[in-house]
Amino acid sequence: VAKDLGLQLPEIRDQGVHITERGRTQYFTLHGKTGHLVTAERIDREQLCRVVEKCVLRCELIVDGQM
């Protein structure tokens, strides 16, 4: 994520990067040392997408002061 947005790792940690998702459960987070988008917890496809063939989790990344 840091590379895709053209940010340095200190900017990721210091500028307030937020990941927003629909619902109460936060499935993704940013790894503070690498800037990679990682899963915050186990994702159970059968629980989330019981009746649909294509399972998609959407999230938005907000960088304070950048966009």
PDB file of N, CA and C in Angstrom:
ATOM      1  N   VAL A   1       0.831  -1.191   0.000  1.00  0.00           N
ATOM      2  CA  VAL A   1       0.000   0.000   0.000  1.00  0.00           C
ATOM      3  C   VAL A   1       0.872   1.251   0.000  1.00  0.00           C
ATOM      4  N   ALA A   2       1.897   1.266   0.825  1.00  0.00           N
ATOM      5  CA  ALA A   2       2.782   2.431   0.869  1.00  0.00           C
ATOM      6  C   ALA A   2       3.387   2.686  -0.504  1.00  0.00           C
ATOM      7  N   LYS A   3       3.844   1.648  -1.152  1.00  0.00           N
ATOM      8  CA  LYS A   3       4.447   1.782  -2.479  1.00  0.00           C
ATOM      9  C   LYS A   3       3.410   2.253  -3.502  1.00  0.00           C
ATOM     10  N   ASP A   4       2.222   1.675  -3.477  1.00  0.00           N
ATOM     11  CA  ASP A   4       1.170   2.047  -4.428  1.00  0.00           C
ATOM     12  C   ASP A   4       0.752   3.508  -4.284  1.00  0.00           C
ATOM     13  N   LEU A   5       0.766   4.031  -3.055  1.00  0.00           N
ATOM     14  CA  LEU A   5       0.369   5.418  -2.817  1.00  0.00           C
ATOM     15  C   LEU A   5       1.548   6.391  -2.896  1.00  0.00           C
ATOM     16  N   GLY A   6       2.749   5.866  -3.062  1.00  0.00           N
ATOM     17  CA  GLY A   6       3.926   6.722  -3.134  1.00  0.00           C
ATOM     18  C   GLY A   6       4.300   7.334  -1.801  1.00  0.00           C
ATOM     19  N   LEU A   7       4.018   6.624  -0.712  1.00  0.00           N
ATOM     20  CA  LEU A   7       4.325   7.109   0.635  1.00  0.00           C
ATOM     21  C   LEU A   7       5.488   6.324   1.225  1.00  0.00           C
ATOM     22  N   GLN A   8       6.206   6.960   2.111  1.00  0.00           N
ATOM     23  CA  GLN A   8       7.258   6.295   2.861  1.00  0.00           C
ATOM     24  C   GLN A   8       6.634   5.695   4.116  1.00  0.00           C
ATOM     25  N   LEU A   9       7.254   4.675   4.679  1.00  0.00           N
ATOM     26  CA  LEU A   9       6.696   4.010   5.860  1.00  0.00           C
ATOM     27  C   LEU A   9       6.443   4.955   7.030  1.00  0.00           C
ATOM     28  N   PRO A  10       7.341   5.912   7.343  1.00  0.00           N
ATOM     29  CA  PRO A  10       7.023   6.827   8.442  1.00  0.00           C
ATOM     30  C   PRO A  10       5.735   7.617   8.192  1.00  0.00           C
ATOM     31  N   GLU A  11       5.444   7.925   6.930  1.00  0.00           N
ATOM     32  CA  GLU A  11       4.210   8.648   6.611  1.00  0.00           C
ATOM     33  C   GLU A  11       2.987   7.781   6.900  1.00  0.00           C
ATOM     34  N   ILE A  12       3.090   6.494   6.634  1.00  0.00           N
ATOM     35  CA  ILE A  12       1.989   5.568   6.914  1.00  0.00           C
ATOM     36  C   ILE A  12       1.693   5.559   8.410  1.00  0.00           C
ATOM     37  N   ARG A  13       2.745   5.511   9.220  1.00  0.00           N
ATOM     38  CA  ARG A  13       2.562   5.447  10.674  1.00  0.00           C
ATOM     39  C   ARG A  13       2.126   6.788  11.257  1.00  0.00           C
ATOM     40  N   ASP A  14       2.676   7.885  10.763  1.00  0.00           N
ATOM     41  CA  ASP A  14       2.501   9.184  11.409  1.00  0.00           C
ATOM     42  C   ASP A  14       1.316  10.003  10.892  1.00  0.00           C
ATOM     43  N   GLN A  15       0.860   9.779   9.669  1.00  0.00           N
ATOM     44  CA  GLN A  15      -0.155  10.646   9.093  1.00  0.00           C
ATOM     45  C   GLN A  15      -1.584  10.181   9.329  1.00  0.00           C
ATOM     46  N   GLY A  16      -1.776   9.086   9.964  1.00  0.00           N
ATOM     47  CA  GLY A  16      -3.125   8.633  10.220  1.00  0.00           C
ATOM     48  C   GLY A  16      -3.748   7.974   9.001  1.00  0.00           C
ATOM     49  N   VAL A  17      -3.373   6.747   8.760  1.00  0.00           N
ATOM     50  CA  VAL A  17      -3.962   5.962   7.680  1.00  0.00           C
ATOM     51  C   VAL A  17      -5.052   5.102   8.295  1.00  0.00           C
ATOM     52  N   HIS A  18      -6.242   5.169   7.698  1.00  0.00           N
ATOM     53  CA  HIS A  18      -7.394   4.437   8.220  1.00  0.00           C
ATOM     54  C   HIS A  18      -7.963   3.536   7.141  1.00  0.00           C
ATOM     55  N   ILE A  19      -8.316   2.337   7.528  1.00  0.00           N
ATOM     56  CA  ILE A  19      -8.997   1.423   6.627  1.00  0.00           C
ATOM     57  C   ILE A  19     -10.433   1.340   7.107  1.00  0.00           C
ATOM     58  N   THR A  20     -11.369   1.624   6.203  1.00  0.00           N
ATOM     59  CA  THR A  20     -12.779   1.549   6.572  1.00  0.00           C
ATOM     60  C   THR A  20     -13.440   0.428   5.792  1.00  0.00           C
ATOM     61  N   GLU A  21     -14.330  -0.260   6.475  1.00  0.00           N
ATOM     62  CA  GLU A  21     -15.055  -1.368   5.875  1.00  0.00           C
ATOM     63  C   GLU A  21     -16.504  -1.291   6.311  1.00  0.00           C
ATOM     64  N   ARG A  22     -17.369  -1.861   5.508  1.00  0.00           N
ATOM     65  CA  ARG A  22     -18.772  -1.950   5.903  1.00  0.00           C
ATOM     66  C   ARG A  22     -18.917  -2.999   6.990  1.00  0.00           C
ATOM     67  N   GLY A  23     -19.828  -2.774   7.891  1.00  0.00           N
ATOM     68  CA  GLY A  23     -20.031  -3.735   8.962  1.00  0.00           C
ATOM     69  C   GLY A  23     -19.153  -3.434  10.159  1.00  0.00           C
ATOM     70  N   ARG A  24     -19.282  -4.260  11.168  1.00  0.00           N
ATOM     71  CA  ARG A  24     -18.570  -4.031  12.423  1.00  0.00           C
ATOM     72  C   ARG A  24     -17.183  -4.653  12.457  1.00  0.00           C
ATOM     73  N   THR A  25     -16.990  -5.709  11.698  1.00  0.00           N
ATOM     74  CA  THR A  25     -15.724  -6.429  11.755  1.00  0.00           C
ATOM     75  C   THR A  25     -14.704  -5.799  10.829  1.00  0.00           C
ATOM     76  N   GLN A  26     -13.521  -5.567  11.341  1.00  0.00           N
ATOM     77  CA  GLN A  26     -12.424  -5.030  10.538  1.00  0.00           C
ATOM     78  C   GLN A  26     -11.553  -6.206  10.118  1.00  0.00           C
ATOM     79  N   TYR A  27     -11.562  -6.527   8.821  1.00  0.00           N
ATOM     80  CA  TYR A  27     -10.835  -7.685   8.325  1.00  0.00           C
ATOM     81  C   TYR A  27      -9.407  -7.363   7.904  1.00  0.00           C
ATOM     82  N   PHE A  28      -9.113  -6.089   7.619  1.00  0.00           N
ATOM     83  CA  PHE A  28      -7.791  -5.728   7.118  1.00  0.00           C
ATOM     84  C   PHE A  28      -7.146  -4.654   7.988  1.00  0.00           C
ATOM     85  N   THR A  29      -5.828  -4.649   7.976  1.00  0.00           N
ATOM     86  CA  THR A  29      -5.050  -3.632   8.663  1.00  0.00           C
ATOM     87  C   THR A  29      -3.747  -3.431   7.890  1.00  0.00           C
ATOM     88  N   LEU A  30      -3.037  -2.373   8.205  1.00  0.00           N
ATOM     89  CA  LEU A  30      -1.734  -2.133   7.588  1.00  0.00           C
ATOM     90  C   LEU A  30      -0.641  -2.585   8.535  1.00  0.00           C
ATOM     91  N   HIS A  31       0.311  -3.324   8.014  1.00  0.00           N
ATOM     92  CA  HIS A  31       1.460  -3.749   8.804  1.00  0.00           C
ATOM     93  C   HIS A  31       2.369  -2.535   8.975  1.00  0.00           C
ATOM     94  N   GLY A  32       2.636  -2.148  10.191  1.00  0.00           N
ATOM     95  CA  GLY A  32       3.374  -0.918  10.487  1.00  0.00           C
ATOM     96  C   GLY A  32       4.807  -0.888   9.988  1.00  0.00           C
ATOM     97  N   LYS A  33       5.465  -2.045   9.918  1.00  0.00           N
ATOM     98  CA  LYS A  33       6.871  -2.063   9.501  1.00  0.00           C
ATOM     99  C   LYS A  33       7.054  -2.201   7.996  1.00  0.00           C
ATOM    100  N   THR A  34       6.080  -2.806   7.309  1.00  0.00           N
ATOM    101  CA  THR A  34       6.238  -3.050   5.872  1.00  0.00           C
ATOM    102  C   THR A  34       5.312  -2.205   5.013  1.00  0.00           C
ATOM    103  N   GLY A  35       4.187  -1.726   5.573  1.00  0.00           N
ATOM    104  CA  GLY A  35       3.204  -0.997   4.783  1.00  0.00           C
ATOM    105  C   GLY A  35       2.303  -1.900   3.973  1.00  0.00           C
ATOM    106  N   HIS A  36       2.374  -3.210   4.199  1.00  0.00           N
ATOM    107  CA  HIS A  36       1.535  -4.165   3.478  1.00  0.00           C
ATOM    108  C   HIS A  36       0.128  -4.213   4.066  1.00  0.00           C
ATOM    109  N   LEU A  37      -0.847  -4.442   3.216  1.00  0.00           N
ATOM    110  CA  LEU A  37      -2.213  -4.683   3.645  1.00  0.00           C
ATOM    111  C   LEU A  37      -2.302  -6.143   4.051  1.00  0.00           C
ATOM    112  N   VAL A  38      -2.698  -6.400   5.294  1.00  0.00           N
ATOM    113  CA  VAL A  38      -2.757  -7.771   5.808  1.00  0.00           C
ATOM    114  C   VAL A  38      -4.120  -8.017   6.442  1.00  0.00           C
ATOM    115  N   THR A  39      -4.454  -9.289   6.613  1.00  0.00           N
ATOM    116  CA  THR A  39      -5.702  -9.622   7.284  1.00  0.00           C
ATOM    117  C   THR A  39      -5.543  -9.406   8.782  1.00  0.00           C
ATOM    118  N   ALA A  40      -6.549  -8.795   9.376  1.00  0.00           N
ATOM    119  CA  ALA A  40      -6.519  -8.508  10.807  1.00  0.00           C
ATOM    120  C   ALA A  40      -6.966  -9.715  11.625  1.00  0.00           C
ATOM    121  N   GLU A  41      -7.762 -10.563  10.997  1.00  0.00           N
ATOM    122  CA  GLU A  41      -8.230 -11.775  11.660  1.00  0.00           C
ATOM    123  C   GLU A  41      -8.616 -12.797  10.611  1.00  0.00           C
ATOM    124  N   ARG A  42      -8.930 -13.985  11.047  1.00  0.00           N
ATOM    125  CA  ARG A  42      -9.314 -15.059  10.130  1.00  0.00           C
ATOM    126  C   ARG A  42     -10.592 -14.673   9.391  1.00  0.00           C
ATOM    127  N   ILE A  43     -10.610 -14.929   8.073  1.00  0.00           N
ATOM    128  CA  ILE A  43     -11.779 -14.622   7.248  1.00  0.00           C
ATOM    129  C   ILE A  43     -12.445 -15.940   6.874  1.00  0.00           C
ATOM    130  N   ASP A  44     -13.680 -16.110   7.294  1.00  0.00           N
ATOM    131  CA  ASP A  44     -14.447 -17.328   7.032  1.00  0.00           C
ATOM    132  C   ASP A  44     -15.374 -17.087   5.847  1.00  0.00           C
ATOM    133  N   ARG A  45     -14.983 -17.572   4.672  1.00  0.00           N
ATOM    134  CA  ARG A  45     -15.757 -17.350   3.454  1.00  0.00           C
ATOM    135  C   ARG A  45     -17.170 -17.927   3.557  1.00  0.00           C
ATOM    136  N   GLU A  46     -17.312 -19.098   4.134  1.00  0.00           N
ATOM    137  CA  GLU A  46     -18.631 -19.726   4.243  1.00  0.00           C
ATOM    138  C   GLU A  46     -19.574 -18.899   5.115  1.00  0.00           C
ATOM    139  N   GLN A  47     -19.040 -18.248   6.117  1.00  0.00           N
ATOM    140  CA  GLN A  47     -19.869 -17.417   6.988  1.00  0.00           C
ATOM    141  C   GLN A  47     -20.247 -16.105   6.301  1.00  0.00           C
ATOM    142  N   LEU A  48     -19.325 -15.503   5.571  1.00  0.00           N
ATOM    143  CA  LEU A  48     -19.559 -14.211   4.936  1.00  0.00           C
ATOM    144  C   LEU A  48     -20.389 -14.297   3.662  1.00  0.00           C
ATOM    145  N   CYS A  49     -20.143 -15.306   2.861  1.00  0.00           N
ATOM    146  CA  CYS A  49     -20.729 -15.371   1.515  1.00  0.00           C
ATOM    147  C   CYS A  49     -21.409 -16.715   1.288  1.00  0.00           C
ATOM    148  N   ARG A  50     -22.338 -17.035   2.107  1.00  0.00           N
ATOM    149  CA  ARG A  50     -22.995 -18.345   2.041  1.00  0.00           C
ATOM    150  C   ARG A  50     -23.680 -18.618   0.711  1.00  0.00           C
ATOM    151  N   VAL A  51     -24.404 -17.639   0.207  1.00  0.00           N
ATOM    152  CA  VAL A  51     -25.259 -17.895  -0.954  1.00  0.00           C
ATOM    153  C   VAL A  51     -24.715 -17.349  -2.268  1.00  0.00           C
ATOM    154  N   VAL A  52     -23.568 -16.710  -2.261  1.00  0.00           N
ATOM    155  CA  VAL A  52     -23.030 -16.161  -3.501  1.00  0.00           C
ATOM    156  C   VAL A  52     -21.753 -16.903  -3.898  1.00  0.00           C
ATOM    157  N   GLU A  53     -21.558 -17.058  -5.201  1.00  0.00           N
ATOM    158  CA  GLU A  53     -20.383 -17.765  -5.689  1.00  0.00           C
ATOM    159  C   GLU A  53     -19.126 -16.901  -5.583  1.00  0.00           C
ATOM    160  N   LYS A  54     -19.256 -15.625  -5.925  1.00  0.00           N
ATOM    161  CA  LYS A  54     -18.111 -14.710  -5.896  1.00  0.00           C
ATOM    162  C   LYS A  54     -18.150 -13.911  -4.592  1.00  0.00           C
ATOM    163  N   CYS A  55     -17.146 -14.095  -3.761  1.00  0.00           N
ATOM    164  CA  CYS A  55     -17.093 -13.430  -2.458  1.00  0.00           C
ATOM    165  C   CYS A  55     -16.116 -12.258  -2.528  1.00  0.00           C
ATOM    166  N   VAL A  56     -16.603 -11.044  -2.280  1.00  0.00           N
ATOM    167  CA  VAL A  56     -15.778  -9.846  -2.367  1.00  0.00           C
ATOM    168  C   VAL A  56     -15.893  -9.068  -1.063  1.00  0.00           C
ATOM    169  N   LEU A  57     -14.745  -8.716  -0.486  1.00  0.00           N
ATOM    170  CA  LEU A  57     -14.713  -7.841   0.677  1.00  0.00           C
ATOM    171  C   LEU A  57     -14.162  -6.502   0.212  1.00  0.00           C
ATOM    172  N   ARG A  58     -14.907  -5.451   0.424  1.00  0.00           N
ATOM    173  CA  ARG A  58     -14.475  -4.120   0.003  1.00  0.00           C
ATOM    174  C   ARG A  58     -14.022  -3.321   1.213  1.00  0.00           C
ATOM    175  N   CYS A  59     -12.994  -2.510   0.992  1.00  0.00           N
ATOM    176  CA  CYS A  59     -12.534  -1.606   2.037  1.00  0.00           C
ATOM    177  C   CYS A  59     -11.976  -0.360   1.365  1.00  0.00           C
ATOM    178  N   GLU A  60     -11.919   0.711   2.125  1.00  0.00           N
ATOM    179  CA  GLU A  60     -11.356   1.965   1.644  1.00  0.00           C
ATOM    180  C   GLU A  60     -10.177   2.339   2.528  1.00  0.00           C
ATOM    181  N   LEU A  61      -9.182   2.920   1.911  1.00  0.00           N
ATOM    182  CA  LEU A  61      -8.010   3.386   2.631  1.00  0.00           C
ATOM    183  C   LEU A  61      -8.013   4.901   2.596  1.00  0.00           C
ATOM    184  N   ILE A  62      -7.982   5.514   3.758  1.00  0.00           N
ATOM    185  CA  ILE A  62      -7.999   6.967   3.869  1.00  0.00           C
ATOM    186  C   ILE A  62      -6.676   7.418   4.478  1.00  0.00           C
ATOM    187  N   VAL A  63      -5.998   8.325   3.789  1.00  0.00           N
ATOM    188  CA  VAL A  63      -4.733   8.883   4.285  1.00  0.00           C
ATOM    189  C   VAL A  63      -5.000  10.331   4.639  1.00  0.00           C
ATOM    190  N   ASP A  64      -4.946  10.663   5.915  1.00  0.00           N
ATOM    191  CA  ASP A  64      -5.201  12.026   6.368  1.00  0.00           C
ATOM    192  C   ASP A  64      -4.199  12.998   5.739  1.00  0.00           C
ATOM    193  N   GLY A  65      -4.696  14.095   5.203  1.00  0.00           N
ATOM    194  CA  GLY A  65      -3.850  15.136   4.670  1.00  0.00           C
ATOM    195  C   GLY A  65      -3.298  14.879   3.288  1.00  0.00           C
ATOM    196  N   GLN A  66      -3.608  13.746   2.664  1.00  0.00           N
ATOM    197  CA  GLN A  66      -3.057  13.401   1.359  1.00  0.00           C
ATOM    198  C   GLN A  66      -4.105  13.475   0.246  1.00  0.00           C
ATOM    199  N   MET A  67      -5.316  13.029   0.504  1.00  0.00           N
ATOM    200  CA  MET A  67      -6.317  12.911  -0.550  1.00  0.00           C
ATOM    201  C   MET A  67      -7.615  13.544  -0.111  1.00  0.00           C
TER     202      MET A  67
END
